[in-house]
N, C-alpha and C. Protein backbone atom coordinates (compact mmCIF):
# COMPACT_ATOMS: atom_id res chain seq x y z
N MET A 1 95.61 30.63 -12.17
CA MET A 1 94.16 30.22 -12.16
C MET A 1 94.10 30.92 -10.21
N THR A 2 92.90 31.22 -10.03
CA THR A 2 92.78 31.88 -8.92
C THR A 2 92.26 30.50 -7.60
N PHE A 3 92.27 31.23 -6.76
CA PHE A 3 91.95 30.12 -5.76
C PHE A 3 90.34 29.69 -5.84
N GLU A 4 89.31 30.25 -6.19
CA GLU A 4 88.20 29.94 -6.57
C GLU A 4 87.83 28.91 -8.07
N GLU A 5 88.47 28.86 -8.84
CA GLU A 5 88.75 28.14 -9.75
C GLU A 5 89.84 26.87 -9.00
N ILE A 6 90.55 26.93 -8.48
CA ILE A 6 91.09 25.74 -7.77
C ILE A 6 90.00 24.98 -7.00
N VAL A 7 89.09 25.47 -6.17
CA VAL A 7 88.04 24.85 -5.59
C VAL A 7 87.17 24.20 -6.17
N ILE A 8 86.92 24.90 -7.18
CA ILE A 8 85.88 24.13 -8.15
C ILE A 8 86.11 23.05 -8.69
N ILE A 9 87.09 22.93 -8.95
CA ILE A 9 88.39 21.83 -9.63
C ILE A 9 87.87 20.68 -8.68
N LEU A 10 88.31 21.06 -7.22
CA LEU A 10 88.33 20.07 -6.45
C LEU A 10 86.93 19.54 -5.94
N GLN A 11 86.03 20.41 -6.08
CA GLN A 11 84.67 19.95 -5.64
C GLN A 11 84.28 19.14 -6.98
N GLU A 12 84.37 19.22 -7.72
CA GLU A 12 83.87 18.52 -8.82
C GLU A 12 84.42 17.03 -8.95
N LYS A 13 85.75 16.85 -8.42
CA LYS A 13 86.66 15.33 -8.34
C LYS A 13 86.01 14.85 -6.87
N PHE A 14 85.79 15.29 -5.72
CA PHE A 14 85.63 15.01 -4.72
C PHE A 14 84.50 15.15 -4.15
N GLN A 15 83.61 16.26 -4.72
CA GLN A 15 82.50 16.85 -3.82
C GLN A 15 82.44 17.37 -2.03
N ASP A 16 81.91 16.05 -1.66
CA ASP A 16 81.58 16.47 -0.13
C ASP A 16 83.01 16.17 0.93
N SER A 17 84.03 15.85 0.51
CA SER A 17 85.42 15.37 1.15
C SER A 17 85.84 16.81 1.38
N ILE A 18 85.69 17.58 0.65
CA ILE A 18 86.20 18.95 0.94
C ILE A 18 85.26 20.55 1.61
N SER A 19 85.77 21.40 1.81
CA SER A 19 84.99 22.75 2.34
C SER A 19 86.19 24.21 2.58
N VAL A 20 85.49 24.88 2.52
CA VAL A 20 86.22 26.22 2.05
C VAL A 20 86.28 26.74 3.36
N GLN A 21 87.28 27.25 4.01
CA GLN A 21 87.28 28.00 5.27
C GLN A 21 87.53 29.35 4.96
N ASN A 22 86.84 30.04 5.32
CA ASN A 22 87.01 31.59 5.47
C ASN A 22 87.64 32.27 6.68
N THR A 23 88.76 32.88 6.71
CA THR A 23 88.88 33.21 8.18
C THR A 23 89.28 35.15 7.81
N GLU A 24 88.98 35.87 8.61
CA GLU A 24 89.37 37.18 8.63
C GLU A 24 91.06 37.65 8.45
N THR A 25 91.93 36.98 9.21
CA THR A 25 93.32 36.58 9.36
C THR A 25 94.17 36.46 8.48
N LEU A 26 93.54 34.86 7.57
CA LEU A 26 94.32 34.42 6.80
C LEU A 26 93.50 34.48 5.91
N GLN A 27 94.54 33.80 4.49
CA GLN A 27 93.95 33.59 3.20
C GLN A 27 92.59 32.16 3.35
N PRO A 28 91.91 32.06 2.66
CA PRO A 28 91.11 31.07 2.29
C PRO A 28 91.83 29.84 2.28
N ARG A 29 91.24 28.75 2.52
CA ARG A 29 91.97 27.80 2.55
C ARG A 29 90.90 27.05 1.97
N ILE A 30 91.25 25.75 1.69
CA ILE A 30 90.64 23.93 1.62
C ILE A 30 90.85 23.47 2.96
N LEU A 31 89.61 22.67 3.50
CA LEU A 31 89.63 22.39 4.56
C LEU A 31 89.22 20.55 4.19
N ILE A 32 89.94 19.67 4.53
CA ILE A 32 89.72 18.53 3.80
C ILE A 32 88.79 17.95 5.37
N GLU A 33 87.67 17.21 4.76
CA GLU A 33 86.97 16.70 5.70
C GLU A 33 86.95 15.72 6.45
N LYS A 34 87.33 14.57 6.02
CA LYS A 34 87.99 13.25 6.39
C LYS A 34 89.54 13.14 6.31
N LYS A 35 90.10 12.98 7.31
CA LYS A 35 91.95 12.95 7.61
C LYS A 35 92.05 11.68 6.10
N GLU A 36 91.33 10.60 6.20
CA GLU A 36 91.53 9.26 5.19
C GLU A 36 91.16 9.93 3.70
N ASN A 37 91.19 11.19 3.21
CA ASN A 37 91.08 11.28 1.88
C ASN A 37 92.29 12.43 1.59
N LEU A 38 93.21 12.27 2.76
CA LEU A 38 94.47 13.80 2.47
C LEU A 38 95.44 12.83 0.94
N LEU A 39 95.39 11.73 1.22
CA LEU A 39 96.59 11.50 0.34
C LEU A 39 96.20 11.35 -1.21
N GLU A 40 94.45 10.54 -1.19
CA GLU A 40 94.10 11.03 -2.77
C GLU A 40 93.67 12.68 -2.95
N ILE A 41 93.72 13.41 -2.14
CA ILE A 41 93.63 14.70 -2.54
C ILE A 41 95.04 15.07 -3.01
N ALA A 42 95.79 14.30 -2.16
CA ALA A 42 97.40 15.17 -2.21
C ALA A 42 97.88 14.84 -3.80
N GLN A 43 97.52 13.85 -4.03
CA GLN A 43 97.93 12.96 -5.39
C GLN A 43 97.33 14.13 -6.69
N PHE A 44 95.96 14.29 -6.70
CA PHE A 44 95.36 14.75 -7.19
C PHE A 44 96.10 16.22 -7.38
N LEU A 45 96.44 16.89 -6.48
CA LEU A 45 96.63 18.11 -6.93
C LEU A 45 97.91 17.96 -7.28
N TYR A 46 98.68 17.29 -7.12
CA TYR A 46 100.58 17.05 -7.82
C TYR A 46 99.95 16.24 -9.67
N ALA A 47 99.50 15.64 -9.69
CA ALA A 47 98.92 14.61 -10.46
C ALA A 47 98.14 15.54 -11.89
N ASP A 48 96.95 16.36 -11.09
CA ASP A 48 96.12 17.01 -12.39
C ASP A 48 97.21 17.94 -13.36
N GLU A 49 97.01 18.05 -14.76
CA GLU A 49 97.46 18.84 -15.48
C GLU A 49 97.05 19.93 -15.40
N ARG A 50 95.85 20.47 -14.76
CA ARG A 50 95.48 22.26 -14.79
C ARG A 50 95.80 22.70 -13.43
N LEU A 51 96.07 21.88 -12.64
CA LEU A 51 96.91 21.95 -11.32
C LEU A 51 98.07 22.18 -10.85
N TYR A 52 98.92 21.04 -11.23
CA TYR A 52 100.01 20.68 -10.77
C TYR A 52 100.80 21.31 -9.71
N PHE A 53 100.16 20.86 -8.26
CA PHE A 53 101.17 21.91 -7.40
C PHE A 53 102.68 20.78 -7.56
N ASP A 54 103.71 21.25 -7.35
CA ASP A 54 104.88 20.63 -8.01
C ASP A 54 105.82 20.91 -6.79
N ASN A 55 105.00 21.63 -5.65
CA ASN A 55 106.01 22.16 -4.61
C ASN A 55 105.21 22.20 -3.40
N LEU A 56 105.53 21.21 -2.48
CA LEU A 56 105.04 21.39 -1.03
C LEU A 56 105.85 21.94 -0.41
N VAL A 57 105.35 23.58 -0.08
CA VAL A 57 106.37 24.70 0.53
C VAL A 57 106.62 24.41 2.04
N CYS A 58 105.05 24.12 2.37
CA CYS A 58 105.54 23.84 4.31
C CYS A 58 104.51 23.29 4.84
N ILE A 59 104.60 22.35 5.87
CA ILE A 59 103.16 22.22 6.92
C ILE A 59 103.59 22.53 7.90
N THR A 60 102.34 22.62 8.50
CA THR A 60 102.81 23.32 10.09
C THR A 60 101.62 22.85 10.76
N ALA A 61 101.96 22.58 11.96
CA ALA A 61 101.00 21.59 12.96
C ALA A 61 100.61 22.29 14.38
N LEU A 62 99.31 22.56 14.28
CA LEU A 62 98.97 23.30 15.73
C LEU A 62 97.92 22.38 16.50
N ASP A 63 98.15 22.92 18.09
CA ASP A 63 97.22 22.59 19.16
C ASP A 63 96.62 23.43 19.44
N ASN A 64 94.88 23.07 18.74
CA ASN A 64 93.86 23.98 19.20
C ASN A 64 93.14 23.87 20.30
N GLN A 65 94.01 23.00 21.43
CA GLN A 65 93.39 22.82 22.31
C GLN A 65 92.25 21.86 22.15
N ASP A 66 91.04 21.59 21.76
CA ASP A 66 90.12 21.26 21.12
C ASP A 66 90.19 19.73 20.14
N SER A 67 91.25 20.58 19.31
CA SER A 67 91.73 19.45 18.53
C SER A 67 93.11 20.02 17.84
N PHE A 68 93.87 19.22 17.09
CA PHE A 68 95.16 19.20 16.24
C PHE A 68 94.57 19.63 14.34
N GLU A 69 95.58 20.18 13.96
CA GLU A 69 95.58 20.67 12.70
C GLU A 69 96.59 20.70 12.13
N VAL A 70 96.51 20.25 11.08
CA VAL A 70 97.94 20.15 9.86
C VAL A 70 97.55 20.70 8.90
N VAL A 71 98.49 21.60 8.68
CA VAL A 71 98.11 22.63 7.66
C VAL A 71 99.42 22.58 6.82
N TYR A 72 98.67 23.02 5.07
CA TYR A 72 100.06 22.67 4.10
C TYR A 72 99.55 23.38 3.23
N GLN A 73 100.72 23.90 2.89
CA GLN A 73 100.85 25.13 1.67
C GLN A 73 101.63 24.78 0.48
N PHE A 74 100.81 24.74 -0.85
CA PHE A 74 101.51 24.38 -1.81
C PHE A 74 101.47 25.72 -2.77
N TYR A 75 102.43 25.29 -3.66
CA TYR A 75 102.84 26.11 -4.54
C TYR A 75 103.00 25.55 -6.25
N SER A 76 102.45 26.24 -7.13
CA SER A 76 102.52 25.32 -8.74
C SER A 76 103.70 26.43 -9.36
N TYR A 77 104.89 26.26 -9.51
CA TYR A 77 105.50 26.90 -10.01
C TYR A 77 105.33 27.22 -11.80
N PRO A 78 105.12 26.11 -12.53
CA PRO A 78 104.83 26.27 -14.06
C PRO A 78 103.53 27.59 -13.68
N PHE A 79 102.82 27.47 -13.06
CA PHE A 79 101.18 28.19 -13.33
C PHE A 79 100.82 29.53 -12.17
N GLU A 80 102.13 29.22 -11.43
CA GLU A 80 102.58 30.43 -10.57
C GLU A 80 100.97 30.58 -9.77
N HIS A 81 100.58 29.71 -9.36
CA HIS A 81 99.43 30.03 -8.43
C HIS A 81 99.60 28.94 -6.71
N SER A 82 98.87 29.34 -6.01
CA SER A 82 98.98 28.64 -4.54
C SER A 82 98.09 28.68 -3.54
N MET A 83 98.15 27.43 -2.66
CA MET A 83 96.49 27.39 -2.13
C MET A 83 97.11 26.23 -0.87
N THR A 84 96.35 26.74 0.72
CA THR A 84 96.69 26.14 1.53
C THR A 84 95.46 25.29 1.87
N LEU A 85 96.03 24.44 2.63
CA LEU A 85 95.01 23.05 2.50
C LEU A 85 94.98 22.62 3.96
N ALA A 86 94.37 22.42 5.02
CA ALA A 86 94.39 21.51 6.07
C ALA A 86 93.16 20.77 6.51
N VAL A 87 93.92 20.13 7.49
CA VAL A 87 93.07 18.55 7.65
C VAL A 87 92.83 18.98 9.54
N LEU A 88 91.77 18.85 10.34
CA LEU A 88 91.46 19.00 11.44
C LEU A 88 91.46 17.33 11.97
N LEU A 89 92.28 17.61 13.11
CA LEU A 89 92.58 15.71 13.88
C LEU A 89 91.82 15.95 15.02
N SER A 90 91.30 14.64 15.34
CA SER A 90 90.63 14.68 16.96
C SER A 90 91.89 15.22 18.10
N ASN A 91 90.96 15.25 19.25
CA ASN A 91 91.90 15.63 20.12
C ASN A 91 92.42 14.68 21.07
N GLU A 92 93.41 13.28 20.31
CA GLU A 92 93.24 12.21 21.01
C GLU A 92 94.77 12.05 21.50
N GLU A 93 95.22 10.85 22.27
CA GLU A 93 96.79 10.91 22.74
C GLU A 93 97.84 10.95 21.83
N ASN A 94 97.32 10.05 20.56
CA ASN A 94 98.31 10.07 19.43
C ASN A 94 97.57 10.57 18.31
N PRO A 95 97.60 11.33 17.48
CA PRO A 95 97.29 11.90 16.06
C PRO A 95 97.86 11.55 15.37
N SER A 96 97.07 11.21 14.07
CA SER A 96 97.54 10.79 13.05
C SER A 96 96.86 10.99 11.55
N VAL A 97 97.93 11.20 10.39
CA VAL A 97 97.55 11.43 9.16
C VAL A 97 98.51 10.69 8.36
N ASP A 98 98.08 10.80 7.21
CA ASP A 98 99.03 9.91 6.19
C ASP A 98 100.27 11.06 5.63
N SER A 99 101.24 10.89 5.38
CA SER A 99 102.33 11.03 5.11
C SER A 99 102.52 11.39 3.67
N LEU A 100 102.81 12.71 3.47
CA LEU A 100 103.19 12.83 2.15
C LEU A 100 104.21 12.85 1.07
N THR A 101 105.61 12.06 1.98
CA THR A 101 106.67 11.66 1.52
C THR A 101 106.74 11.18 -0.04
N SER A 102 105.33 10.35 -0.28
CA SER A 102 105.56 9.34 -1.50
C SER A 102 104.94 10.39 -2.81
N ILE A 103 104.90 11.56 -2.21
CA ILE A 103 104.20 12.14 -3.60
C ILE A 103 105.26 13.44 -3.70
N TRP A 104 106.32 14.13 -2.36
CA TRP A 104 106.41 15.24 -2.32
C TRP A 104 107.88 14.97 -1.29
N LYS A 105 108.76 14.46 -1.91
CA LYS A 105 110.44 14.53 -0.71
C LYS A 105 110.29 15.52 0.13
N SER A 106 109.72 17.03 0.10
CA SER A 106 109.83 18.02 0.84
C SER A 106 109.21 17.61 2.75
N ALA A 107 108.24 16.87 2.41
CA ALA A 107 107.40 16.64 3.24
C ALA A 107 108.30 15.79 4.39
N ASP A 108 109.13 15.24 4.14
CA ASP A 108 110.27 14.55 4.97
C ASP A 108 110.27 15.35 6.55
N TRP A 109 111.02 16.33 6.21
CA TRP A 109 111.65 17.32 7.82
C TRP A 109 110.69 17.70 8.04
N HIS A 110 109.52 18.43 7.28
CA HIS A 110 108.00 18.91 7.49
C HIS A 110 107.54 18.38 8.61
N GLU A 111 107.40 16.73 8.13
CA GLU A 111 106.31 16.11 8.83
C GLU A 111 107.49 15.57 10.51
N ARG A 112 108.86 15.41 9.98
CA ARG A 112 109.40 14.78 11.17
C ARG A 112 109.01 16.25 12.30
N GLU A 113 109.44 17.79 11.86
CA GLU A 113 109.23 18.57 12.87
C GLU A 113 107.64 18.96 13.78
N ALA A 114 106.86 18.56 12.88
CA ALA A 114 105.38 18.28 13.31
C ALA A 114 105.36 17.52 14.25
N PHE A 115 106.06 15.82 14.03
CA PHE A 115 106.11 15.02 15.12
C PHE A 115 106.89 15.64 16.53
N ASP A 116 107.68 15.98 16.20
CA ASP A 116 108.55 16.25 17.33
C ASP A 116 107.71 17.45 17.99
N MET A 117 107.56 18.18 17.76
CA MET A 117 106.75 19.50 18.75
C MET A 117 105.88 19.26 18.84
N ILE A 118 104.82 18.62 18.10
CA ILE A 118 103.65 18.92 18.38
C ILE A 118 102.94 16.94 18.69
N GLY A 119 103.63 16.32 17.93
CA GLY A 119 103.47 14.70 18.26
C GLY A 119 102.20 14.29 17.45
N ILE A 120 102.36 14.93 15.83
CA ILE A 120 101.41 14.38 15.30
C ILE A 120 102.39 12.80 14.36
N ASN A 121 101.38 11.93 14.41
CA ASN A 121 102.38 10.85 13.91
C ASN A 121 101.65 10.93 12.16
N PHE A 122 103.05 10.34 11.27
CA PHE A 122 102.38 10.25 9.85
C PHE A 122 102.80 8.98 9.33
N THR A 123 101.49 8.64 8.84
CA THR A 123 101.40 7.06 8.78
C THR A 123 102.33 7.05 7.52
N ASN A 124 103.47 5.92 7.41
CA ASN A 124 103.85 5.41 6.48
C ASN A 124 105.10 6.59 5.99
N HIS A 125 105.19 7.11 6.95
CA HIS A 125 106.78 8.13 7.11
C HIS A 125 107.78 7.22 6.83
N PRO A 126 109.17 7.49 6.31
CA PRO A 126 109.81 6.56 5.98
C PRO A 126 111.06 6.76 7.25
N ASP A 127 111.16 7.45 7.75
CA ASP A 127 111.92 7.96 9.26
C ASP A 127 111.18 8.79 10.25
N LEU A 128 110.20 8.56 10.58
CA LEU A 128 109.52 9.54 11.65
C LEU A 128 110.16 9.58 13.02
N ARG A 129 111.23 9.89 13.22
CA ARG A 129 111.45 10.10 14.49
C ARG A 129 111.90 12.05 15.06
N ARG A 130 112.20 12.43 16.19
CA ARG A 130 112.57 13.68 16.58
C ARG A 130 113.59 14.01 15.74
N ILE A 131 113.30 15.52 15.36
CA ILE A 131 114.66 16.20 14.46
C ILE A 131 115.28 17.39 15.03
N LEU A 132 114.51 17.82 15.99
CA LEU A 132 114.95 19.10 16.87
C LEU A 132 115.32 18.79 18.56
N MET A 133 114.57 17.86 19.07
CA MET A 133 114.33 17.40 20.49
C MET A 133 115.46 15.96 20.30
N PRO A 134 115.97 16.12 21.70
CA PRO A 134 116.44 14.90 21.90
C PRO A 134 115.81 13.36 21.54
N SER A 135 116.00 12.43 20.95
CA SER A 135 115.43 11.55 20.69
C SER A 135 114.63 10.76 22.27
N ASP A 136 115.25 11.18 23.56
CA ASP A 136 114.22 10.67 24.59
C ASP A 136 113.69 11.72 25.18
N TRP A 137 113.61 12.63 24.94
CA TRP A 137 113.47 13.99 25.76
C TRP A 137 111.41 13.56 25.70
N GLU A 138 110.93 14.20 26.78
CA GLU A 138 109.88 13.60 26.92
C GLU A 138 108.74 14.51 27.00
N GLY A 139 107.62 14.30 25.83
CA GLY A 139 106.73 15.48 25.48
C GLY A 139 106.60 15.98 24.49
N PHE A 140 105.86 17.04 23.87
CA PHE A 140 106.03 17.42 22.70
C PHE A 140 105.94 19.24 23.29
N PRO A 141 106.94 19.74 22.86
CA PRO A 141 107.02 21.03 23.27
C PRO A 141 105.92 22.05 22.78
N LEU A 142 105.46 21.91 22.04
CA LEU A 142 104.38 22.72 21.12
C LEU A 142 102.79 22.75 21.44
N ARG A 143 102.91 21.41 22.37
CA ARG A 143 101.30 21.17 22.73
C ARG A 143 100.66 21.94 23.95
N LYS A 144 99.73 22.37 24.10
CA LYS A 144 99.34 23.23 24.72
C LYS A 144 98.94 23.15 26.31
N ASP A 145 99.30 21.61 26.58
CA ASP A 145 99.11 21.02 27.81
C ASP A 145 100.73 20.44 28.25
N TYR A 146 101.88 20.85 27.18
CA TYR A 146 103.24 20.60 27.55
C TYR A 146 103.57 21.13 28.95
N LYS A 147 104.18 20.15 29.51
CA LYS A 147 104.57 20.35 30.67
C LYS A 147 106.64 20.09 30.49
N THR A 148 107.47 21.00 31.02
CA THR A 148 108.52 21.29 30.80
C THR A 148 109.27 20.00 32.38
N GLN A 149 110.11 19.06 31.39
CA GLN A 149 111.12 18.69 32.16
C GLN A 149 111.65 19.30 33.26
N GLU A 150 111.35 19.14 34.55
CA GLU A 150 112.61 19.53 35.46
C GLU A 150 114.01 19.12 35.25
N GLU A 151 114.55 18.04 34.75
CA GLU A 151 115.65 17.58 34.81
C GLU A 151 115.48 16.43 33.15
N TYR A 152 116.73 16.88 32.57
CA TYR A 152 117.34 16.26 31.65
C TYR A 152 118.83 15.65 31.59
N HIS A 153 118.66 14.24 31.99
CA HIS A 153 119.95 13.35 32.02
C HIS A 153 120.82 13.95 33.47
N GLY A 154 119.85 14.71 34.38
CA GLY A 154 120.73 15.62 35.64
C GLY A 154 120.82 16.47 35.62
N ILE A 155 120.47 17.22 34.31
CA ILE A 155 120.86 18.57 34.01
C ILE A 155 119.59 19.61 34.56
N LYS A 156 119.71 20.16 35.28
CA LYS A 156 118.25 21.08 35.67
C LYS A 156 117.82 21.77 33.92
N VAL A 157 116.56 22.14 34.20
CA VAL A 157 116.15 22.67 32.60
C VAL A 157 115.29 23.82 33.34
N ASP A 158 115.78 24.95 33.24
CA ASP A 158 115.61 26.17 33.09
C ASP A 158 115.18 26.96 32.21
N TYR A 159 114.06 27.63 32.33
CA TYR A 159 113.51 28.26 31.63
C TYR A 159 112.83 30.09 31.66
């Protein structure tokens, strides 16, 4: 199935909830207009027999300075098609989006990494805690406004 065919199926089901974003450097992707629709759209991607995206390959979070973005990469082993989906989040103190761990167990560590590095909160995640940084680390290292700690437990942090 081509990306265009996947888009048609999703637009029939979700109409104004999604749009297609074309960029010069990336493959086209589907943009979810309202983060509240993510869980419903994800469940459809998994359960619809025409799509059956049985593998959540990757979750990436980005700080775009004026907003945050969570990008999901899906793959269907039986149908050998893939798709990228993105959710834009406002540039707020604690950006959040629904967890996809109830659909794909692979979301667990990916969401924890996005939480740890960027500070995205994943609502209803079963164990949302730091995975790369120490549990008492201050800030989120991949945010544009991150300021490196000068000391950590009395040890100089030198970069």
